[in-house]
Amino acid sequence: MNIASTPKERLYFLVANYFKFFADISLKRWRPQVVAITGSTGKTTLLELLDFQLGNTAHLSHNANSIYGIAFDILGLRGVSGSRLEWLKLFILAPLRAFSFTRQEAIYIVEIDAGRPNGARVIANWLRPSITALTGIEQSHAEFYEAAVKSGKYRTFIEAISDEFMSIPRATSELLIIPEGVDTIDRAIEQNLKFLPRRVLKLQEKSTLKSYEVSTEATKFTLSTNHFSFSYPLPKEVWLQLAMMQSIVSELGFNELKSDMTDLAFPPGRSSVLAGIKDSTLIDSSYNAQLSSMLAILKMYKSIATKPKWLVIGDIIELGSREADQHVELAKFLLDYPVDRLVLVGRRCQKYMKSTLSDKRNVLFANDAHVALDFLQTNIHGGETILFKGSQHLEWIIAKLLANPASDMAKLPRQSPAEKTRLERLGYK
């Protein structure tokens, strides 16, 4: 597949390469050890864990995982919200910053996404990481790989997505860290054995995770060598990010780990616990959703002892022709799920999940966030715990249900002026 098969894609990479060219000048003056964090889910969690442990000894690419974002990050520039004036400013500043700005940290920990075909490949071949942690490979962003599959280059979406992700291990020089026993990764590793770095570390849940406890106030993990505590709920699957964090920190030459992580605040929309109207408790996990992250959060919620327990689920998006089977699988999981109220928001939930869940009691299918909000405001009586996961502007619903909006609005995702303007244009005010 060519690096850009459509005029829009060619323009994307043409402009991206402009910024990459100047960022590379700054990067060569900086010369850090590069650690790559990648995978369909869990990247940001691992990045935040590493940030908490390493502090100012490393620079981390927060909110930057594309060619553009990483180039801006290396140049010390802020990204754009869409205005032409901002783009013009960046075009002018990039060559100036290339020769005047250099970061000082010896380590660069960079998150790399594979949402756009060839994007991860370009970043990997540019940065050439010494260490890569690959958290998992799933059918996220499948709609962007439609052309690659239809062209015949790949037989399936997962094969196309796997090849994009594996471009990062193929460019890695020293160590690849992966979970053991994950089918998609096992197949990808087998197909790329001769291109992998000299060491591959496989982490196994059975031998690594010794215990897991979760509530709305705390999560505790006991791994084979360390204990970790947090002040909010996290899914059991975070054991993998914790184990990867340990391995990376050790590989970088740091001997001590902080076990008390109660002061770590993850970015908004990732299991944030907020006070809601009428003494309700809102668990905001609305930032993003793939099927696996949906199931992980739902399993976590099932383990939390609280009543009454409500659940608000939004569509899983960017799946293209794969959206039907992913939503059907989610519906089957929810069929016997113990919850007092289930609210499903969006056309995909209605189209693909209704036939499975139509006989389940206490289920509401809402066409959009307005309908869901009206139902919640009318039916919340007090003391409910409500988990939000998925797309369809669930953060807008949460904002309307906050007990303390003045202080808690900033804790929600997508609160930038540009995002708020976009929502208002869609009728969400």
Protein backbone atom coordinates (compact mmCIF):
# COMPACT_ATOMS: atom_id res chain seq x y z
CA MET A 1 0.00 0.00 0.00
CA ASN A 2 1.35 3.41 -0.91
CA ILE A 3 1.99 5.76 1.96
CA ALA A 4 -0.87 7.96 0.74
CA SER A 5 -3.50 6.54 -1.60
CA THR A 6 -5.89 9.50 -1.82
CA PRO A 7 -5.37 13.25 -2.33
CA LYS A 8 -6.42 13.89 1.27
CA GLU A 9 -3.92 11.35 2.56
CA ARG A 10 -1.16 12.71 0.33
CA LEU A 11 -1.79 16.20 1.71
CA TYR A 12 -1.76 14.84 5.28
CA PHE A 13 1.65 13.23 4.87
CA LEU A 14 3.06 16.11 2.84
CA VAL A 15 2.31 18.61 5.61
CA ALA A 16 3.28 16.11 8.33
CA ASN A 17 6.65 15.62 6.71
CA TYR A 18 7.25 19.37 6.73
CA PHE A 19 6.95 19.42 10.53
CA LYS A 20 8.77 16.11 10.89
CA PHE A 21 11.73 17.49 8.89
CA PHE A 22 12.26 20.37 11.30
CA ALA A 23 11.47 18.29 14.39
CA ASP A 24 14.17 15.87 13.30
CA ILE A 25 16.76 18.65 13.40
CA SER A 26 15.85 19.34 17.02
CA LEU A 27 15.73 15.60 17.78
CA LYS A 28 19.26 15.06 16.45
CA ARG A 29 20.50 17.85 18.66
CA TRP A 30 18.63 16.32 21.61
CA ARG A 31 19.58 12.62 21.04
CA PRO A 32 17.48 10.98 23.81
CA GLN A 33 16.97 7.28 24.41
CA VAL A 34 13.53 6.61 22.90
CA VAL A 35 10.96 4.34 24.54
CA ALA A 36 7.82 3.65 22.47
CA ILE A 37 4.42 2.91 24.02
CA THR A 38 1.90 1.49 21.56
CA GLY A 39 -1.16 -0.74 21.24
CA SER A 40 -4.90 -0.51 20.66
CA THR A 41 -5.70 0.28 24.31
CA GLY A 42 -3.85 1.09 27.51
CA LYS A 43 -1.18 3.36 25.98
CA THR A 44 -2.07 6.47 27.97
CA THR A 45 -2.40 4.50 31.20
CA LEU A 46 1.14 3.17 30.78
CA LEU A 47 2.43 6.63 29.85
CA GLU A 48 0.91 8.13 33.00
CA LEU A 49 2.32 5.34 35.20
CA LEU A 50 5.80 5.95 33.79
CA ASP A 51 5.45 9.69 34.26
CA PHE A 52 4.58 9.17 37.91
CA GLN A 53 7.62 6.93 38.44
CA LEU A 54 10.23 8.79 36.40
CA GLY A 55 9.21 12.40 36.92
CA ASN A 56 11.54 14.95 35.35
CA THR A 57 14.20 12.38 34.44
CA ALA A 58 12.25 11.70 31.22
CA HIS A 59 10.13 13.69 28.80
CA LEU A 60 6.81 12.08 27.87
CA SER A 61 4.66 12.84 24.83
CA HIS A 62 1.42 13.66 26.64
CA ASN A 63 -1.47 14.26 24.21
CA ALA A 64 0.80 13.58 21.23
CA ASN A 65 0.77 10.23 19.42
CA SER A 66 0.63 11.10 15.71
CA ILE A 67 3.31 12.43 13.32
CA TYR A 68 2.01 15.95 13.83
CA GLY A 69 1.66 15.67 17.60
CA ILE A 70 5.09 14.13 18.11
CA ALA A 71 6.77 16.66 15.81
CA PHE A 72 5.13 19.52 17.73
CA ASP A 73 6.11 17.88 21.02
CA ILE A 74 9.78 17.60 20.03
CA LEU A 75 9.77 21.23 18.90
CA GLY A 76 8.08 22.35 22.10
CA LEU A 77 5.05 23.64 20.21
CA ARG A 78 1.38 23.33 21.08
CA GLY A 79 -0.92 21.65 18.59
CA VAL A 80 -3.78 23.37 16.85
CA SER A 81 -7.51 23.55 17.47
CA GLY A 82 -8.22 24.03 13.79
CA SER A 83 -7.86 27.73 12.96
CA ARG A 84 -5.86 28.70 9.90
CA LEU A 85 -4.03 31.38 11.86
CA GLU A 86 -2.70 28.76 14.26
CA TRP A 87 -1.50 26.60 11.37
CA LEU A 88 0.27 29.58 9.80
CA LYS A 89 1.96 30.32 13.11
CA LEU A 90 3.19 26.71 13.38
CA PHE A 91 4.51 26.74 9.81
CA ILE A 92 6.57 29.82 10.65
CA LEU A 93 7.73 28.66 14.09
CA ALA A 94 8.79 25.10 13.13
CA PRO A 95 12.05 26.04 11.30
CA LEU A 96 12.90 28.60 13.99
CA ARG A 97 12.38 26.09 16.82
CA ALA A 98 14.38 23.43 14.98
CA PHE A 99 17.58 25.38 15.61
CA SER A 100 16.72 27.18 18.84
CA PHE A 101 14.86 24.60 20.96
CA THR A 102 16.24 21.37 22.42
CA ARG A 103 14.84 19.31 25.26
CA GLN A 104 17.28 18.27 27.98
CA GLU A 105 15.96 14.96 29.38
CA ALA A 106 18.00 11.88 28.52
CA ILE A 107 14.90 9.74 27.91
CA TYR A 108 11.97 10.32 25.54
CA ILE A 109 8.90 8.15 26.22
CA VAL A 110 6.56 8.50 23.27
CA GLU A 111 3.04 7.18 22.71
CA ILE A 112 2.47 5.98 19.14
CA ASP A 113 -0.99 5.34 17.72
CA ALA A 114 -1.85 3.26 14.65
CA GLY A 115 -5.19 4.88 13.92
CA ARG A 116 -4.05 6.04 10.48
CA PRO A 117 -2.44 3.57 8.04
CA ASN A 118 1.29 4.26 7.65
CA GLY A 119 1.33 6.84 10.43
CA ALA A 120 2.93 4.52 13.00
CA ARG A 121 5.30 3.20 10.34
CA VAL A 122 6.61 6.70 9.61
CA ILE A 123 7.06 7.48 13.32
CA ALA A 124 8.79 4.17 14.07
CA ASN A 125 11.27 4.49 11.21
CA TRP A 126 11.96 8.06 12.28
CA LEU A 127 12.40 7.63 16.05
CA ARG A 128 13.94 4.13 16.06
CA PRO A 129 13.12 3.31 19.72
CA SER A 130 15.42 1.21 21.86
CA ILE A 131 12.48 -0.17 23.89
CA THR A 132 8.89 -0.80 22.78
CA ALA A 133 5.93 -1.85 24.92
CA LEU A 134 3.03 -3.24 22.85
CA THR A 135 -0.09 -3.48 25.03
CA GLY A 136 -2.41 -5.23 22.55
CA ILE A 137 -3.73 -5.38 19.00
CA GLU A 138 -7.45 -5.08 18.27
CA GLN A 139 -9.83 -3.90 15.56
CA SER A 140 -9.89 -0.30 16.75
CA HIS A 141 -10.00 2.35 13.99
CA ALA A 142 -10.93 -0.43 11.56
CA GLU A 143 -12.79 1.97 9.27
CA PHE A 144 -9.49 3.62 8.31
CA TYR A 145 -8.19 0.28 7.02
CA GLU A 146 -11.11 -0.43 4.69
CA ALA A 147 -9.13 0.57 1.59
CA ALA A 148 -6.14 -1.57 2.57
CA VAL A 149 -8.32 -4.66 2.93
CA LYS A 150 -10.38 -3.99 -0.20
CA SER A 151 -7.19 -3.57 -2.23
CA GLY A 152 -6.26 -7.18 -1.44
CA LYS A 153 -3.01 -6.32 0.32
CA TYR A 154 -4.47 -7.73 3.55
CA ARG A 155 -7.05 -10.46 3.99
CA THR A 156 -8.59 -9.06 7.17
CA PHE A 157 -8.77 -5.85 9.18
CA ILE A 158 -6.84 -7.33 12.08
CA GLU A 159 -4.05 -8.37 9.70
CA ALA A 160 -3.80 -4.80 8.35
CA ILE A 161 -3.89 -3.24 11.81
CA SER A 162 -1.36 -5.77 13.17
CA ASP A 163 1.09 -4.99 10.37
CA GLU A 164 0.87 -1.28 11.18
CA PHE A 165 1.47 -1.85 14.88
CA MET A 166 4.32 -4.29 14.20
CA SER A 167 6.19 -1.61 12.26
CA ILE A 168 7.19 -0.24 15.69
CA PRO A 169 8.77 -3.47 17.06
CA ARG A 170 10.47 -3.94 13.68
CA ALA A 171 12.18 -0.57 14.16
CA THR A 172 13.13 -1.29 17.80
CA SER A 173 16.76 -2.06 18.62
CA GLU A 174 16.90 -3.56 22.13
CA LEU A 175 13.76 -4.78 23.88
CA LEU A 176 10.13 -5.56 23.01
CA ILE A 177 7.66 -6.05 25.90
CA ILE A 178 4.36 -7.80 25.16
CA PRO A 179 1.60 -9.70 26.99
CA GLU A 180 1.82 -13.48 26.70
CA GLY A 181 -1.00 -15.55 25.26
CA VAL A 182 -2.79 -12.85 23.24
CA ASP A 183 -3.75 -14.41 19.90
CA THR A 184 -3.40 -11.29 17.76
CA ILE A 185 0.04 -10.53 19.20
CA ASP A 186 1.19 -14.15 19.05
CA ARG A 187 0.35 -14.31 15.34
CA ALA A 188 2.00 -10.96 14.63
CA ILE A 189 5.15 -11.97 16.51
CA GLU A 190 5.38 -15.29 14.65
CA GLN A 191 5.12 -13.50 11.30
CA ASN A 192 7.82 -10.98 12.24
CA LEU A 193 10.33 -13.08 14.19
CA LYS A 194 13.36 -12.25 12.05
CA PHE A 195 12.65 -8.50 12.27
CA LEU A 196 12.23 -8.21 16.04
CA PRO A 197 14.74 -6.73 18.52
CA ARG A 198 17.20 -9.09 20.16
CA ARG A 199 15.13 -9.43 23.35
CA VAL A 200 11.40 -10.08 23.68
CA LEU A 201 9.90 -10.05 27.19
CA LYS A 202 6.52 -11.78 27.53
CA LEU A 203 4.41 -10.90 30.57
CA GLN A 204 1.94 -13.48 31.86
CA GLU A 205 -1.02 -12.61 34.08
CA LYS A 206 -0.98 -15.91 35.96
CA SER A 207 2.60 -15.55 37.15
CA THR A 208 2.53 -11.76 37.58
CA LEU A 209 -0.80 -10.73 39.15
CA LYS A 210 -1.24 -12.13 42.66
CA SER A 211 -4.30 -10.18 43.84
CA TYR A 212 -6.69 -7.43 42.76
CA GLU A 213 -9.19 -5.42 44.84
CA VAL A 214 -11.43 -2.61 43.59
CA SER A 215 -14.07 -0.19 44.91
CA THR A 216 -15.27 3.29 43.96
CA GLU A 217 -12.63 4.71 46.32
CA ALA A 218 -9.58 2.56 45.64
CA THR A 219 -7.82 -0.16 43.67
CA LYS A 220 -5.04 -2.40 44.94
CA PHE A 221 -2.80 -4.61 42.82
CA THR A 222 -0.35 -7.13 44.16
CA LEU A 223 2.17 -8.18 41.54
CA SER A 224 4.86 -10.80 41.99
CA THR A 225 7.40 -8.21 43.11
CA ASN A 226 5.44 -5.10 44.16
CA HIS A 227 2.19 -3.74 45.59
CA PHE A 228 0.44 -0.75 44.00
CA SER A 229 -2.48 1.29 45.34
CA PHE A 230 -4.69 3.89 43.64
CA SER A 231 -7.44 6.20 44.91
CA TYR A 232 -10.04 5.39 42.21
CA PRO A 233 -11.37 2.30 40.42
CA LEU A 234 -9.22 0.67 37.75
CA PRO A 235 -9.89 -2.52 35.76
CA LYS A 236 -7.99 -5.69 36.53
CA GLU A 237 -6.33 -5.51 33.10
CA VAL A 238 -4.16 -2.61 34.33
CA TRP A 239 -1.88 -5.28 35.80
CA LEU A 240 -0.28 -5.41 32.35
CA GLN A 241 0.55 -1.69 32.28
CA LEU A 242 1.94 -1.98 35.81
CA ALA A 243 4.12 -4.93 34.84
CA MET A 244 5.29 -3.12 31.70
CA MET A 245 6.06 -0.04 33.77
CA GLN A 246 8.21 -2.12 36.12
CA SER A 247 10.10 -3.68 33.22
CA ILE A 248 10.74 -0.35 31.48
CA VAL A 249 11.87 1.41 34.65
CA SER A 250 14.26 -1.45 35.41
CA GLU A 251 15.59 -1.50 31.83
CA LEU A 252 16.28 2.23 32.06
CA GLY A 253 18.42 1.65 35.15
CA PHE A 254 16.11 2.88 37.92
CA ASN A 255 15.96 0.59 40.94
CA GLU A 256 13.17 2.03 43.09
CA LEU A 257 9.43 2.12 42.42
CA LYS A 258 6.71 4.12 44.17
CA SER A 259 4.06 1.69 45.35
CA ASP A 260 1.67 4.34 46.68
CA MET A 261 0.14 5.83 43.53
CA THR A 262 -2.86 7.43 45.18
CA ASP A 263 -1.62 10.87 44.12
CA LEU A 264 -1.54 9.90 40.44
CA ALA A 265 -4.34 11.58 38.49
CA PHE A 266 -5.12 10.04 35.11
CA PRO A 267 -6.35 12.30 32.29
CA PRO A 268 -10.12 13.04 32.26
CA GLY A 269 -12.58 10.36 31.22
CA ARG A 270 -10.65 7.39 32.53
CA SER A 271 -12.47 6.02 35.60
CA SER A 272 -12.86 9.45 37.20
CA VAL A 273 -15.26 9.36 40.16
CA LEU A 274 -17.44 12.47 40.45
CA ALA A 275 -20.28 13.60 42.70
CA GLY A 276 -23.61 13.65 40.89
CA ILE A 277 -27.02 15.18 41.50
CA LYS A 278 -29.20 13.76 44.29
CA ASP A 279 -26.22 12.15 46.01
CA SER A 280 -25.45 9.93 43.00
CA THR A 281 -21.94 8.80 42.10
CA LEU A 282 -20.74 9.17 38.50
CA ILE A 283 -17.88 7.04 37.16
CA ASP A 284 -16.65 8.73 34.00
CA SER A 285 -14.88 6.37 31.61
CA SER A 286 -16.17 8.14 28.52
CA TYR A 287 -12.91 9.20 26.92
CA ASN A 288 -12.79 6.38 24.38
CA ALA A 289 -13.93 2.81 23.85
CA GLN A 290 -12.95 -0.30 22.00
CA LEU A 291 -14.66 -3.59 22.72
CA SER A 292 -11.87 -4.85 24.96
CA SER A 293 -11.76 -1.65 27.03
CA MET A 294 -15.57 -1.79 27.29
CA LEU A 295 -15.42 -5.33 28.62
CA ALA A 296 -12.55 -4.52 31.00
CA ILE A 297 -14.45 -1.61 32.55
CA LEU A 298 -17.67 -3.64 32.76
CA LYS A 299 -15.87 -6.49 34.55
CA MET A 300 -14.39 -3.94 36.96
CA TYR A 301 -17.83 -2.42 37.60
CA LYS A 302 -19.28 -5.85 38.23
CA SER A 303 -16.70 -6.34 41.00
CA ILE A 304 -17.64 -3.11 42.78
CA ALA A 305 -20.13 -3.64 45.59
CA THR A 306 -22.62 -0.80 45.23
CA LYS A 307 -26.39 -0.45 44.86
CA PRO A 308 -28.32 0.69 42.93
CA LYS A 309 -25.99 0.20 39.98
CA TRP A 310 -26.69 1.92 36.64
CA LEU A 311 -24.84 1.73 33.36
CA VAL A 312 -24.76 4.15 30.41
CA ILE A 313 -23.13 2.76 27.25
CA GLY A 314 -22.50 4.68 24.02
CA ASP A 315 -21.68 3.46 20.52
CA ILE A 316 -18.27 2.03 19.67
CA ILE A 317 -17.15 4.12 16.71
CA GLU A 318 -14.55 4.00 13.90
CA LEU A 319 -15.15 0.29 13.24
CA GLY A 320 -16.34 0.58 9.64
CA SER A 321 -17.82 -2.67 8.39
CA ARG A 322 -16.82 -4.36 11.66
CA GLU A 323 -19.24 -2.37 13.81
CA ALA A 324 -22.05 -4.92 13.67
CA ASP A 325 -20.19 -7.90 15.13
CA GLN A 326 -18.48 -5.79 17.81
CA HIS A 327 -21.80 -4.41 19.07
CA VAL A 328 -23.47 -7.83 18.93
CA GLU A 329 -20.65 -9.26 21.06
CA LEU A 330 -21.11 -6.43 23.54
CA ALA A 331 -24.86 -7.08 23.66
CA LYS A 332 -24.29 -10.76 24.43
CA PHE A 333 -21.99 -9.78 27.30
CA LEU A 334 -24.64 -7.41 28.70
CA LEU A 335 -27.47 -9.92 28.41
CA ASP A 336 -26.90 -11.35 31.90
CA TYR A 337 -25.01 -8.37 33.30
CA PRO A 338 -26.21 -7.46 36.82
CA VAL A 339 -27.32 -3.83 36.62
CA ASP A 340 -30.42 -2.00 37.82
CA ARG A 341 -30.66 0.36 34.84
CA LEU A 342 -29.05 0.06 31.42
CA VAL A 343 -29.07 3.04 29.04
CA LEU A 344 -27.73 2.47 25.52
CA VAL A 345 -27.00 5.60 23.53
CA GLY A 346 -26.61 5.91 19.75
CA ARG A 347 -27.77 4.48 16.46
CA ARG A 348 -25.26 1.61 16.51
CA CYS A 349 -26.45 0.39 19.90
CA GLN A 350 -30.04 0.55 18.68
CA LYS A 351 -29.33 -1.09 15.33
CA TYR A 352 -27.13 -3.96 16.48
CA MET A 353 -27.97 -4.57 20.14
CA LYS A 354 -31.74 -4.20 20.40
CA SER A 355 -32.64 -7.67 19.14
CA THR A 356 -30.42 -9.26 21.80
CA LEU A 357 -31.40 -7.02 24.70
CA SER A 358 -35.03 -6.11 23.91
CA ASP A 359 -36.39 -8.58 26.49
CA LYS A 360 -34.00 -7.48 29.23
CA ARG A 361 -35.75 -5.47 31.93
CA ASN A 362 -34.85 -1.86 32.71
CA VAL A 363 -33.18 -1.13 29.37
CA LEU A 364 -33.55 2.17 27.54
CA PHE A 365 -32.43 2.64 23.94
CA ALA A 366 -31.73 6.35 23.42
CA ASN A 367 -31.19 7.74 19.93
CA ASP A 368 -28.92 10.46 21.25
CA ALA A 369 -27.51 12.07 24.38
CA HIS A 370 -30.53 14.38 24.80
CA VAL A 371 -32.89 11.44 25.23
CA ALA A 372 -30.50 9.71 27.63
CA LEU A 373 -30.08 12.87 29.73
CA ASP A 374 -33.84 13.42 29.99
CA PHE A 375 -34.28 9.85 31.22
CA LEU A 376 -31.49 10.14 33.79
CA GLN A 377 -32.62 13.50 35.17
CA THR A 378 -36.16 12.18 35.55
CA ASN A 379 -35.33 8.80 37.05
CA ILE A 380 -32.36 9.41 39.35
CA HIS A 381 -33.86 9.38 42.85
CA GLY A 382 -30.73 9.32 45.01
CA GLY A 383 -27.76 7.14 45.86
CA GLU A 384 -27.24 5.58 42.41
CA THR A 385 -23.78 4.74 41.10
CA ILE A 386 -23.68 5.32 37.33
CA LEU A 387 -20.87 4.20 35.04
CA PHE A 388 -20.46 5.92 31.64
CA LYS A 389 -18.52 4.25 28.82
CA GLY A 390 -18.48 4.90 25.06
CA SER A 391 -19.04 7.65 22.52
CA GLN A 392 -22.13 9.76 21.71
CA HIS A 393 -21.21 12.77 23.87
CA LEU A 394 -21.51 11.02 27.21
CA GLU A 395 -19.27 13.68 28.77
CA TRP A 396 -22.00 16.22 27.91
CA ILE A 397 -24.52 14.12 29.85
CA ILE A 398 -22.16 13.86 32.81
CA ALA A 399 -21.66 17.62 32.81
CA LYS A 400 -25.42 18.10 33.22
CA LEU A 401 -25.52 15.65 36.14
CA LEU A 402 -22.62 17.05 38.19
CA ALA A 403 -23.37 18.10 41.74
CA ASN A 404 -20.45 20.55 41.66
CA PRO A 405 -20.09 21.72 38.05
CA ALA A 406 -17.97 24.76 38.95
CA SER A 407 -15.15 22.57 40.27
CA ASP A 408 -15.69 19.31 38.36
CA MET A 409 -16.26 20.43 34.76
CA ALA A 410 -12.49 20.61 34.28
CA LYS A 411 -12.26 16.93 35.20
CA LEU A 412 -14.27 15.91 32.12
CA PRO A 413 -12.75 15.09 28.72
CA ARG A 414 -13.15 17.24 25.61
CA GLN A 415 -13.59 20.57 27.39
CA SER A 416 -11.45 22.71 25.09
CA PRO A 417 -13.09 25.77 23.46
CA ALA A 418 -12.91 24.03 20.07
CA GLU A 419 -14.64 20.90 21.41
CA LYS A 420 -17.34 22.96 23.11
CA THR A 421 -17.96 24.92 19.92
CA ARG A 422 -18.24 21.68 17.95
CA LEU A 423 -20.77 20.31 20.45
CA GLU A 424 -22.85 23.46 20.34
CA ARG A 425 -23.00 23.21 16.55
CA LEU A 426 -24.39 19.71 17.00
CA GLY A 427 -27.08 21.03 19.34
CA TYR A 428 -25.45 20.17 22.68
CA LYS A 429 -25.39 23.31 24.80
